[in-house]
């Protein structure tokens, strides 16, 4: 008889003004969390198995350290595109699109990503910012493309940055 693998139980909750908390309930009773801070820092958190609401310890990680931990546990990072959209009351939106490892944009230039009402203002690569990237800058997995413009143009930008 084959052993049935159970899907790990995870929860997510917004932490207003901080970011988002993601918690994994491990089979041994421990709860391990990752806080994705609004400024892109990551924090690993371990909770008391006797009281899952009590935090035992936490470790704040830089982006490079978070990537190293991801590699150690057997992943090389996101395989899909992730987006973050911040809307401002004055009709301006700031959009960040993470280029995943399976993106058809990897190795291709940013040419053709322009959308009326929105502009690519930077690419964050590793821990460096490339302001006003030229159209011949080639995308890499893990790049974050930063766009500013009208909120209604945001979804068009996601499509143009992630399309083949």
N, C-alpha and C. Protein backbone atom coordinates (compact mmCIF):
# COMPACT_ATOMS: atom_id res chain seq x y z
N UNK A 1 0.84 -1.17 0.00
CA UNK A 1 0.00 0.00 0.00
C UNK A 1 0.89 1.25 0.00
N UNK A 2 0.60 2.19 -0.89
CA UNK A 2 1.41 3.41 -0.98
C UNK A 2 1.09 4.35 0.17
N UNK A 3 2.14 5.02 0.64
CA UNK A 3 1.95 6.00 1.70
C UNK A 3 1.39 7.28 1.10
N UNK A 4 0.36 7.81 1.69
CA UNK A 4 -0.24 9.04 1.20
C UNK A 4 0.50 10.24 1.76
N UNK A 5 0.98 11.11 0.88
CA UNK A 5 1.67 12.31 1.31
C UNK A 5 0.65 13.40 1.58
N UNK A 6 0.77 14.03 2.71
CA UNK A 6 -0.15 15.12 3.01
C UNK A 6 0.46 16.45 2.57
N UNK A 7 -0.40 17.35 2.18
CA UNK A 7 0.03 18.69 1.78
C UNK A 7 0.26 19.51 3.04
N UNK A 8 1.42 20.14 3.16
CA UNK A 8 1.68 20.97 4.36
C UNK A 8 0.63 22.07 4.49
N UNK A 9 0.25 22.34 5.72
CA UNK A 9 -0.74 23.38 6.02
C UNK A 9 -0.03 24.71 6.18
N UNK A 10 -0.44 25.67 5.38
CA UNK A 10 0.13 27.02 5.47
C UNK A 10 -0.99 28.03 5.61
N UNK A 11 -0.64 29.15 6.24
CA UNK A 11 -1.57 30.27 6.35
C UNK A 11 -0.82 31.55 6.02
N UNK A 12 -1.54 32.55 5.60
CA UNK A 12 -0.96 33.87 5.32
C UNK A 12 -1.84 34.92 5.96
N UNK A 13 -1.22 35.97 6.47
CA UNK A 13 -1.98 37.06 7.08
C UNK A 13 -1.25 38.37 6.86
N UNK A 14 -1.98 39.41 6.49
CA UNK A 14 -1.34 40.72 6.35
C UNK A 14 -0.93 41.27 7.71
N UNK A 15 0.20 41.95 7.73
CA UNK A 15 0.67 42.66 8.92
C UNK A 15 0.73 44.13 8.54
N UNK A 16 -0.36 44.88 8.76
CA UNK A 16 -0.42 46.27 8.30
C UNK A 16 0.80 47.09 8.72
N UNK A 17 1.38 47.76 7.74
CA UNK A 17 2.55 48.60 7.99
C UNK A 17 3.85 47.82 8.07
N UNK A 18 3.76 46.49 7.98
CA UNK A 18 4.97 45.65 8.09
C UNK A 18 5.15 44.82 6.84
N UNK A 19 4.14 44.04 6.46
CA UNK A 19 4.24 43.15 5.32
C UNK A 19 3.24 42.03 5.42
N UNK A 20 3.66 40.81 5.10
CA UNK A 20 2.78 39.65 5.14
C UNK A 20 3.48 38.51 5.87
N UNK A 21 2.74 37.83 6.73
CA UNK A 21 3.26 36.68 7.46
C UNK A 21 2.74 35.41 6.81
N UNK A 22 3.66 34.50 6.47
CA UNK A 22 3.32 33.18 5.94
C UNK A 22 3.80 32.16 6.96
N UNK A 23 2.93 31.25 7.40
CA UNK A 23 3.29 30.27 8.44
C UNK A 23 3.04 28.86 7.91
N UNK A 24 4.02 27.99 8.14
CA UNK A 24 3.93 26.58 7.81
C UNK A 24 3.81 25.79 9.10
N UNK A 25 2.78 24.96 9.20
CA UNK A 25 2.63 24.07 10.36
C UNK A 25 3.32 22.76 9.98
N UNK A 26 4.49 22.51 10.59
CA UNK A 26 5.26 21.30 10.27
C UNK A 26 4.65 20.07 10.92
N UNK A 27 4.95 18.93 10.36
CA UNK A 27 4.41 17.66 10.85
C UNK A 27 4.77 17.42 12.31
N UNK A 28 5.95 17.90 12.76
CA UNK A 28 6.39 17.64 14.14
C UNK A 28 5.75 18.58 15.16
N UNK A 29 4.83 19.45 14.71
CA UNK A 29 4.15 20.35 15.63
C UNK A 29 4.70 21.76 15.67
N UNK A 30 5.88 21.98 15.11
CA UNK A 30 6.44 23.32 15.07
C UNK A 30 5.74 24.17 14.02
N UNK A 31 5.75 25.46 14.24
CA UNK A 31 5.24 26.42 13.28
C UNK A 31 6.41 27.32 12.90
N UNK A 32 6.68 27.41 11.59
CA UNK A 32 7.77 28.22 11.07
C UNK A 32 7.16 29.28 10.16
N UNK A 33 7.58 30.51 10.35
CA UNK A 33 7.02 31.59 9.56
C UNK A 33 8.06 32.35 8.78
N UNK A 34 7.59 33.01 7.75
CA UNK A 34 8.41 33.96 6.98
C UNK A 34 7.61 35.24 6.91
N UNK A 35 8.21 36.31 7.37
CA UNK A 35 7.59 37.63 7.23
C UNK A 35 8.23 38.28 6.02
N UNK A 36 7.40 38.57 5.02
CA UNK A 36 7.87 39.31 3.85
C UNK A 36 7.58 40.77 4.13
N UNK A 37 8.61 41.50 4.56
CA UNK A 37 8.45 42.91 4.90
C UNK A 37 8.16 43.73 3.65
N UNK A 38 7.45 44.85 3.84
CA UNK A 38 7.11 45.73 2.72
C UNK A 38 8.35 46.24 1.99
N UNK A 39 9.49 46.32 2.68
CA UNK A 39 10.73 46.81 2.05
C UNK A 39 11.55 45.67 1.47
N UNK A 40 10.94 44.50 1.28
CA UNK A 40 11.53 43.30 0.66
C UNK A 40 12.50 42.53 1.54
N UNK A 41 12.65 42.90 2.80
CA UNK A 41 13.45 42.05 3.70
C UNK A 41 12.63 40.82 4.02
N UNK A 42 13.30 39.76 4.46
CA UNK A 42 12.63 38.54 4.87
C UNK A 42 13.05 38.23 6.30
N UNK A 43 12.14 37.71 7.07
CA UNK A 43 12.43 37.34 8.45
C UNK A 43 11.92 35.92 8.69
N UNK A 44 12.82 35.03 9.10
CA UNK A 44 12.42 33.68 9.49
C UNK A 44 12.02 33.71 10.95
N UNK A 45 10.90 33.07 11.28
CA UNK A 45 10.38 33.08 12.64
C UNK A 45 10.05 31.64 13.04
N UNK A 46 10.43 31.27 14.27
CA UNK A 46 10.09 29.95 14.81
C UNK A 46 9.21 30.18 16.04
N UNK A 47 8.09 29.44 16.08
CA UNK A 47 7.14 29.58 17.17
C UNK A 47 7.24 28.42 18.14
N UNK A 48 6.80 28.63 19.35
CA UNK A 48 6.79 27.62 20.41
C UNK A 48 5.79 26.53 20.05
N UNK A 49 6.23 25.25 19.98
CA UNK A 49 5.28 24.19 19.63
C UNK A 49 4.14 24.05 20.65
N UNK A 50 4.38 24.42 21.90
CA UNK A 50 3.33 24.33 22.93
C UNK A 50 2.32 25.47 22.79
N UNK A 51 2.74 26.58 22.18
CA UNK A 51 1.86 27.73 21.99
C UNK A 51 2.24 28.41 20.68
N UNK A 52 1.57 28.06 19.57
CA UNK A 52 1.93 28.58 18.26
C UNK A 52 1.82 30.10 18.11
N UNK A 53 1.26 30.78 19.09
CA UNK A 53 1.21 32.24 19.05
C UNK A 53 2.43 32.88 19.71
N UNK A 54 3.27 32.07 20.35
CA UNK A 54 4.45 32.59 21.04
C UNK A 54 5.69 32.40 20.16
N UNK A 55 6.31 33.50 19.83
CA UNK A 55 7.50 33.50 18.98
C UNK A 55 8.72 33.14 19.83
N UNK A 56 9.47 32.12 19.39
CA UNK A 56 10.69 31.74 20.09
C UNK A 56 11.89 32.57 19.62
N UNK A 57 12.02 32.70 18.31
CA UNK A 57 13.16 33.44 17.75
C UNK A 57 12.85 33.89 16.34
N UNK A 58 13.62 34.82 15.86
CA UNK A 58 13.49 35.30 14.49
C UNK A 58 14.84 35.73 13.96
N UNK A 59 15.02 35.61 12.66
CA UNK A 59 16.27 36.00 12.01
C UNK A 59 15.92 36.87 10.82
N UNK A 60 16.43 38.11 10.79
CA UNK A 60 16.20 39.03 9.69
C UNK A 60 17.25 38.76 8.61
N UNK A 61 16.81 38.57 7.37
CA UNK A 61 17.70 38.21 6.28
C UNK A 61 17.74 39.28 5.20
N UNK A 62 18.92 39.48 4.62
CA UNK A 62 19.02 40.33 3.43
C UNK A 62 18.48 39.53 2.25
N UNK A 63 18.31 40.17 1.10
CA UNK A 63 17.83 39.47 -0.09
C UNK A 63 18.79 38.35 -0.47
N UNK A 64 20.08 38.61 -0.41
CA UNK A 64 21.08 37.58 -0.77
C UNK A 64 21.02 36.41 0.20
N UNK A 65 20.86 36.68 1.49
CA UNK A 65 20.76 35.61 2.49
C UNK A 65 19.50 34.79 2.28
N UNK A 66 18.39 35.45 1.95
CA UNK A 66 17.13 34.73 1.70
C UNK A 66 17.28 33.80 0.50
N UNK A 67 17.97 34.27 -0.57
CA UNK A 67 18.21 33.40 -1.73
C UNK A 67 19.06 32.20 -1.35
N UNK A 68 20.07 32.43 -0.50
CA UNK A 68 20.93 31.32 -0.07
C UNK A 68 20.14 30.29 0.71
N UNK A 69 19.29 30.74 1.63
CA UNK A 69 18.45 29.81 2.39
C UNK A 69 17.53 29.05 1.44
N UNK A 70 16.95 29.73 0.46
CA UNK A 70 16.08 29.06 -0.51
C UNK A 70 16.84 27.97 -1.26
N UNK A 71 18.06 28.25 -1.65
CA UNK A 71 18.87 27.24 -2.34
C UNK A 71 19.18 26.06 -1.42
N UNK A 72 19.45 26.35 -0.15
CA UNK A 72 19.77 25.28 0.80
C UNK A 72 18.60 24.33 1.03
N UNK A 73 17.38 24.85 0.98
CA UNK A 73 16.22 23.99 1.21
C UNK A 73 15.68 23.40 -0.09
N UNK A 74 16.38 23.65 -1.19
CA UNK A 74 16.04 22.95 -2.41
C UNK A 74 15.24 23.70 -3.44
N UNK A 75 15.31 24.99 -3.44
CA UNK A 75 14.64 25.76 -4.48
C UNK A 75 15.58 26.86 -4.93
N UNK A 76 15.43 27.25 -6.18
CA UNK A 76 16.28 28.32 -6.70
C UNK A 76 15.52 29.63 -6.80
N UNK A 77 14.32 29.67 -6.29
CA UNK A 77 13.57 30.91 -6.31
C UNK A 77 12.26 30.75 -7.06
N UNK A 78 11.55 31.85 -7.21
CA UNK A 78 10.23 31.80 -7.83
C UNK A 78 10.30 31.29 -9.26
N UNK A 79 9.34 30.46 -9.63
CA UNK A 79 9.26 29.95 -10.99
C UNK A 79 8.22 30.72 -11.78
N UNK A 80 7.47 31.57 -11.14
CA UNK A 80 6.45 32.34 -11.83
C UNK A 80 6.63 33.80 -11.53
N UNK A 81 5.88 34.62 -12.22
CA UNK A 81 5.95 36.06 -12.00
C UNK A 81 5.16 36.44 -10.77
N UNK A 82 5.68 37.35 -10.01
CA UNK A 82 4.97 37.89 -8.87
C UNK A 82 4.91 39.39 -9.08
N UNK A 83 3.84 39.99 -8.64
CA UNK A 83 3.72 41.42 -8.81
C UNK A 83 3.27 42.07 -7.52
N UNK A 84 3.72 43.29 -7.33
CA UNK A 84 3.27 44.10 -6.19
C UNK A 84 2.86 45.44 -6.75
N UNK A 85 1.67 45.87 -6.41
CA UNK A 85 1.15 47.13 -6.90
C UNK A 85 0.81 48.01 -5.71
N UNK A 86 1.40 49.19 -5.68
CA UNK A 86 1.10 50.18 -4.66
C UNK A 86 0.36 51.32 -5.33
N UNK A 87 -0.88 51.54 -4.92
CA UNK A 87 -1.67 52.64 -5.48
C UNK A 87 -1.58 53.84 -4.54
N UNK A 88 -1.44 55.00 -5.14
CA UNK A 88 -1.36 56.23 -4.36
C UNK A 88 -2.58 57.08 -4.68
N UNK A 89 -2.98 57.91 -3.74
CA UNK A 89 -4.21 58.69 -3.88
C UNK A 89 -4.15 59.71 -5.00
N UNK A 90 -2.98 60.06 -5.46
CA UNK A 90 -2.87 61.07 -6.51
C UNK A 90 -2.94 60.47 -7.92
N UNK A 91 -3.43 59.23 -8.04
CA UNK A 91 -3.59 58.61 -9.35
C UNK A 91 -2.34 57.98 -9.91
N UNK A 92 -1.35 57.76 -9.07
CA UNK A 92 -0.09 57.16 -9.51
C UNK A 92 0.05 55.78 -8.87
N UNK A 93 0.53 54.84 -9.64
CA UNK A 93 0.78 53.50 -9.12
C UNK A 93 2.25 53.15 -9.33
N UNK A 94 2.82 52.43 -8.37
CA UNK A 94 4.17 51.89 -8.50
C UNK A 94 4.03 50.39 -8.51
N UNK A 95 4.54 49.77 -9.56
CA UNK A 95 4.40 48.34 -9.77
C UNK A 95 5.78 47.70 -9.77
N UNK A 96 5.91 46.57 -9.06
CA UNK A 96 7.14 45.79 -9.08
C UNK A 96 6.79 44.41 -9.59
N UNK A 97 7.46 43.97 -10.66
CA UNK A 97 7.21 42.65 -11.24
C UNK A 97 8.49 41.84 -11.13
N UNK A 98 8.41 40.69 -10.46
CA UNK A 98 9.55 39.78 -10.32
C UNK A 98 9.58 38.86 -11.53
N UNK A 99 10.72 38.81 -12.22
CA UNK A 99 10.87 37.94 -13.37
C UNK A 99 11.26 36.55 -12.86
N UNK A 100 10.39 35.58 -13.06
CA UNK A 100 10.63 34.22 -12.60
C UNK A 100 11.60 33.46 -13.49
N UNK A 101 12.10 32.34 -12.98
CA UNK A 101 13.10 31.55 -13.71
C UNK A 101 12.55 30.99 -15.02
N UNK A 102 11.23 30.77 -15.10
CA UNK A 102 10.64 30.21 -16.32
C UNK A 102 10.09 31.29 -17.24
N UNK A 103 10.39 32.54 -16.96
CA UNK A 103 9.86 33.64 -17.75
C UNK A 103 10.40 33.62 -19.18
N UNK A 104 9.52 33.85 -20.15
CA UNK A 104 10.00 33.97 -21.53
C UNK A 104 10.84 35.24 -21.73
N UNK A 105 10.84 36.16 -20.76
CA UNK A 105 11.63 37.39 -20.84
C UNK A 105 13.10 37.17 -20.48
N UNK A 106 13.41 36.08 -19.77
CA UNK A 106 14.79 35.83 -19.35
C UNK A 106 15.69 35.78 -20.58
N UNK A 107 16.75 36.60 -20.56
CA UNK A 107 17.69 36.66 -21.67
C UNK A 107 17.28 37.59 -22.79
N UNK A 108 16.08 38.16 -22.67
CA UNK A 108 15.58 39.08 -23.70
C UNK A 108 15.62 40.51 -23.19
N UNK A 109 15.73 41.47 -24.12
CA UNK A 109 15.77 42.88 -23.70
C UNK A 109 14.40 43.38 -23.24
N UNK A 110 14.42 44.51 -22.54
CA UNK A 110 13.18 45.13 -22.07
C UNK A 110 12.41 45.80 -23.21
N UNK A 111 12.96 45.84 -24.39
CA UNK A 111 12.28 46.43 -25.54
C UNK A 111 10.89 45.84 -25.68
N UNK A 112 9.91 46.69 -25.92
CA UNK A 112 8.54 46.21 -26.11
C UNK A 112 7.74 46.11 -24.84
N UNK A 113 8.30 46.56 -23.71
CA UNK A 113 7.56 46.48 -22.45
C UNK A 113 6.84 47.78 -22.13
N UNK A 114 7.00 48.78 -22.97
CA UNK A 114 6.35 50.07 -22.72
C UNK A 114 4.85 49.99 -22.92
N UNK A 115 4.13 50.71 -22.10
CA UNK A 115 2.67 50.79 -22.17
C UNK A 115 2.31 52.25 -21.99
N UNK A 116 1.35 52.74 -22.78
CA UNK A 116 0.93 54.13 -22.64
C UNK A 116 0.46 54.37 -21.21
N UNK A 117 0.99 55.38 -20.57
CA UNK A 117 0.59 55.72 -19.21
C UNK A 117 1.45 55.10 -18.14
N UNK A 118 2.50 54.35 -18.52
CA UNK A 118 3.39 53.73 -17.54
C UNK A 118 4.80 53.65 -18.12
N UNK A 119 5.80 53.73 -17.24
CA UNK A 119 7.20 53.72 -17.66
C UNK A 119 8.03 52.83 -16.74
N UNK A 120 8.94 52.03 -17.32
CA UNK A 120 9.89 51.27 -16.53
C UNK A 120 10.92 52.27 -16.01
N UNK A 121 11.00 52.41 -14.68
CA UNK A 121 11.92 53.39 -14.11
C UNK A 121 13.19 52.78 -13.54
N UNK A 122 13.18 51.46 -13.31
CA UNK A 122 14.37 50.82 -12.75
C UNK A 122 14.24 49.31 -12.86
N UNK A 123 15.39 48.65 -12.77
CA UNK A 123 15.45 47.21 -12.61
C UNK A 123 16.32 46.96 -11.39
N UNK A 124 15.80 46.16 -10.47
CA UNK A 124 16.58 45.78 -9.29
C UNK A 124 17.15 44.40 -9.59
N UNK A 125 18.48 44.34 -9.59
CA UNK A 125 19.17 43.09 -9.92
C UNK A 125 20.11 42.78 -8.78
N UNK A 126 19.91 41.62 -8.16
CA UNK A 126 20.65 41.26 -6.95
C UNK A 126 20.41 42.37 -5.94
N UNK A 127 21.44 43.04 -5.50
CA UNK A 127 21.24 44.14 -4.55
C UNK A 127 21.58 45.48 -5.16
N UNK A 128 21.54 45.54 -6.51
CA UNK A 128 21.87 46.77 -7.23
C UNK A 128 20.64 47.27 -7.97
N UNK A 129 20.52 48.59 -8.06
CA UNK A 129 19.43 49.21 -8.80
C UNK A 129 20.00 49.77 -10.10
N UNK A 130 19.36 49.43 -11.21
CA UNK A 130 19.72 49.99 -12.50
C UNK A 130 18.63 51.01 -12.83
N UNK A 131 18.91 52.31 -12.56
CA UNK A 131 17.89 53.33 -12.84
C UNK A 131 17.78 53.59 -14.33
N UNK A 132 16.59 53.91 -14.79
CA UNK A 132 16.33 54.22 -16.20
C UNK A 132 17.02 53.23 -17.13
N UNK A 133 16.68 51.94 -17.02
CA UNK A 133 17.38 50.95 -17.85
C UNK A 133 17.12 51.17 -19.33
N UNK A 134 18.14 50.99 -20.13
CA UNK A 134 17.99 51.12 -21.58
C UNK A 134 17.22 49.95 -22.14
N UNK A 135 16.72 50.09 -23.37
CA UNK A 135 15.91 49.02 -23.97
C UNK A 135 16.70 47.75 -24.27
N UNK A 136 18.04 47.84 -24.27
CA UNK A 136 18.83 46.65 -24.57
C UNK A 136 19.28 45.89 -23.32
N UNK A 137 18.87 46.35 -22.12
CA UNK A 137 19.17 45.60 -20.89
C UNK A 137 18.42 44.28 -20.96
N UNK A 138 19.13 43.17 -20.83
CA UNK A 138 18.51 41.84 -20.92
C UNK A 138 18.05 41.39 -19.54
N UNK A 139 16.81 40.89 -19.47
CA UNK A 139 16.23 40.43 -18.21
C UNK A 139 16.92 39.15 -17.73
N UNK A 140 17.00 39.03 -16.42
CA UNK A 140 17.51 37.82 -15.77
C UNK A 140 16.47 37.33 -14.78
N UNK A 141 16.48 36.03 -14.53
CA UNK A 141 15.60 35.48 -13.49
C UNK A 141 15.96 36.15 -12.17
N UNK A 142 14.96 36.59 -11.45
CA UNK A 142 15.19 37.27 -10.18
C UNK A 142 15.18 38.78 -10.29
N UNK A 143 15.23 39.32 -11.51
CA UNK A 143 15.14 40.77 -11.68
C UNK A 143 13.78 41.25 -11.21
N UNK A 144 13.76 42.44 -10.65
CA UNK A 144 12.50 43.10 -10.31
C UNK A 144 12.40 44.33 -11.20
N UNK A 145 11.39 44.36 -12.05
CA UNK A 145 11.17 45.48 -12.95
C UNK A 145 10.23 46.45 -12.23
N UNK A 146 10.67 47.70 -12.07
CA UNK A 146 9.89 48.71 -11.34
C UNK A 146 9.29 49.68 -12.35
N UNK A 147 7.96 49.85 -12.24
CA UNK A 147 7.20 50.67 -13.18
C UNK A 147 6.42 51.71 -12.41
N UNK A 148 6.29 52.90 -12.98
CA UNK A 148 5.44 53.94 -12.39
C UNK A 148 4.48 54.42 -13.47
N UNK A 149 3.25 54.72 -13.07
CA UNK A 149 2.28 55.21 -14.04
C UNK A 149 0.87 55.17 -13.50
N UNK A 150 -0.09 55.26 -14.42
CA UNK A 150 -1.50 55.22 -14.04
C UNK A 150 -1.86 53.83 -13.53
N UNK A 151 -2.71 53.75 -12.52
CA UNK A 151 -3.13 52.43 -12.01
C UNK A 151 -3.76 51.54 -13.07
N UNK A 152 -4.52 52.11 -14.01
CA UNK A 152 -5.19 51.29 -15.02
C UNK A 152 -4.21 50.68 -16.02
N UNK A 153 -2.98 51.20 -16.08
CA UNK A 153 -1.97 50.65 -16.99
C UNK A 153 -1.20 49.50 -16.37
N UNK A 154 -1.37 49.28 -15.06
CA UNK A 154 -0.57 48.29 -14.34
C UNK A 154 -0.70 46.88 -14.92
N UNK A 155 -1.91 46.42 -15.21
CA UNK A 155 -2.08 45.06 -15.70
C UNK A 155 -1.51 44.89 -17.10
N UNK A 156 -1.58 45.94 -17.91
CA UNK A 156 -0.95 45.89 -19.23
C UNK A 156 0.56 45.77 -19.09
N UNK A 157 1.13 46.44 -18.10
CA UNK A 157 2.57 46.36 -17.88
C UNK A 157 2.96 44.94 -17.47
N UNK A 158 2.19 44.33 -16.57
CA UNK A 158 2.48 42.95 -16.17
C UNK A 158 2.51 42.06 -17.40
N UNK A 159 1.50 42.19 -18.27
CA UNK A 159 1.45 41.38 -19.49
C UNK A 159 2.65 41.65 -20.39
N UNK A 160 3.02 42.92 -20.56
CA UNK A 160 4.12 43.23 -21.48
C UNK A 160 5.48 42.79 -20.92
N UNK A 161 5.65 42.83 -19.62
CA UNK A 161 6.93 42.42 -19.01
C UNK A 161 7.05 40.91 -18.96
N UNK A 162 5.94 40.20 -18.87
CA UNK A 162 6.01 38.75 -18.70
C UNK A 162 5.69 37.97 -19.97
N UNK A 163 5.30 38.65 -21.03
CA UNK A 163 4.95 37.95 -22.27
C UNK A 163 6.19 37.58 -23.06
N UNK A 164 6.02 36.60 -23.89
CA UNK A 164 7.12 36.14 -24.75
C UNK A 164 7.36 37.10 -25.89
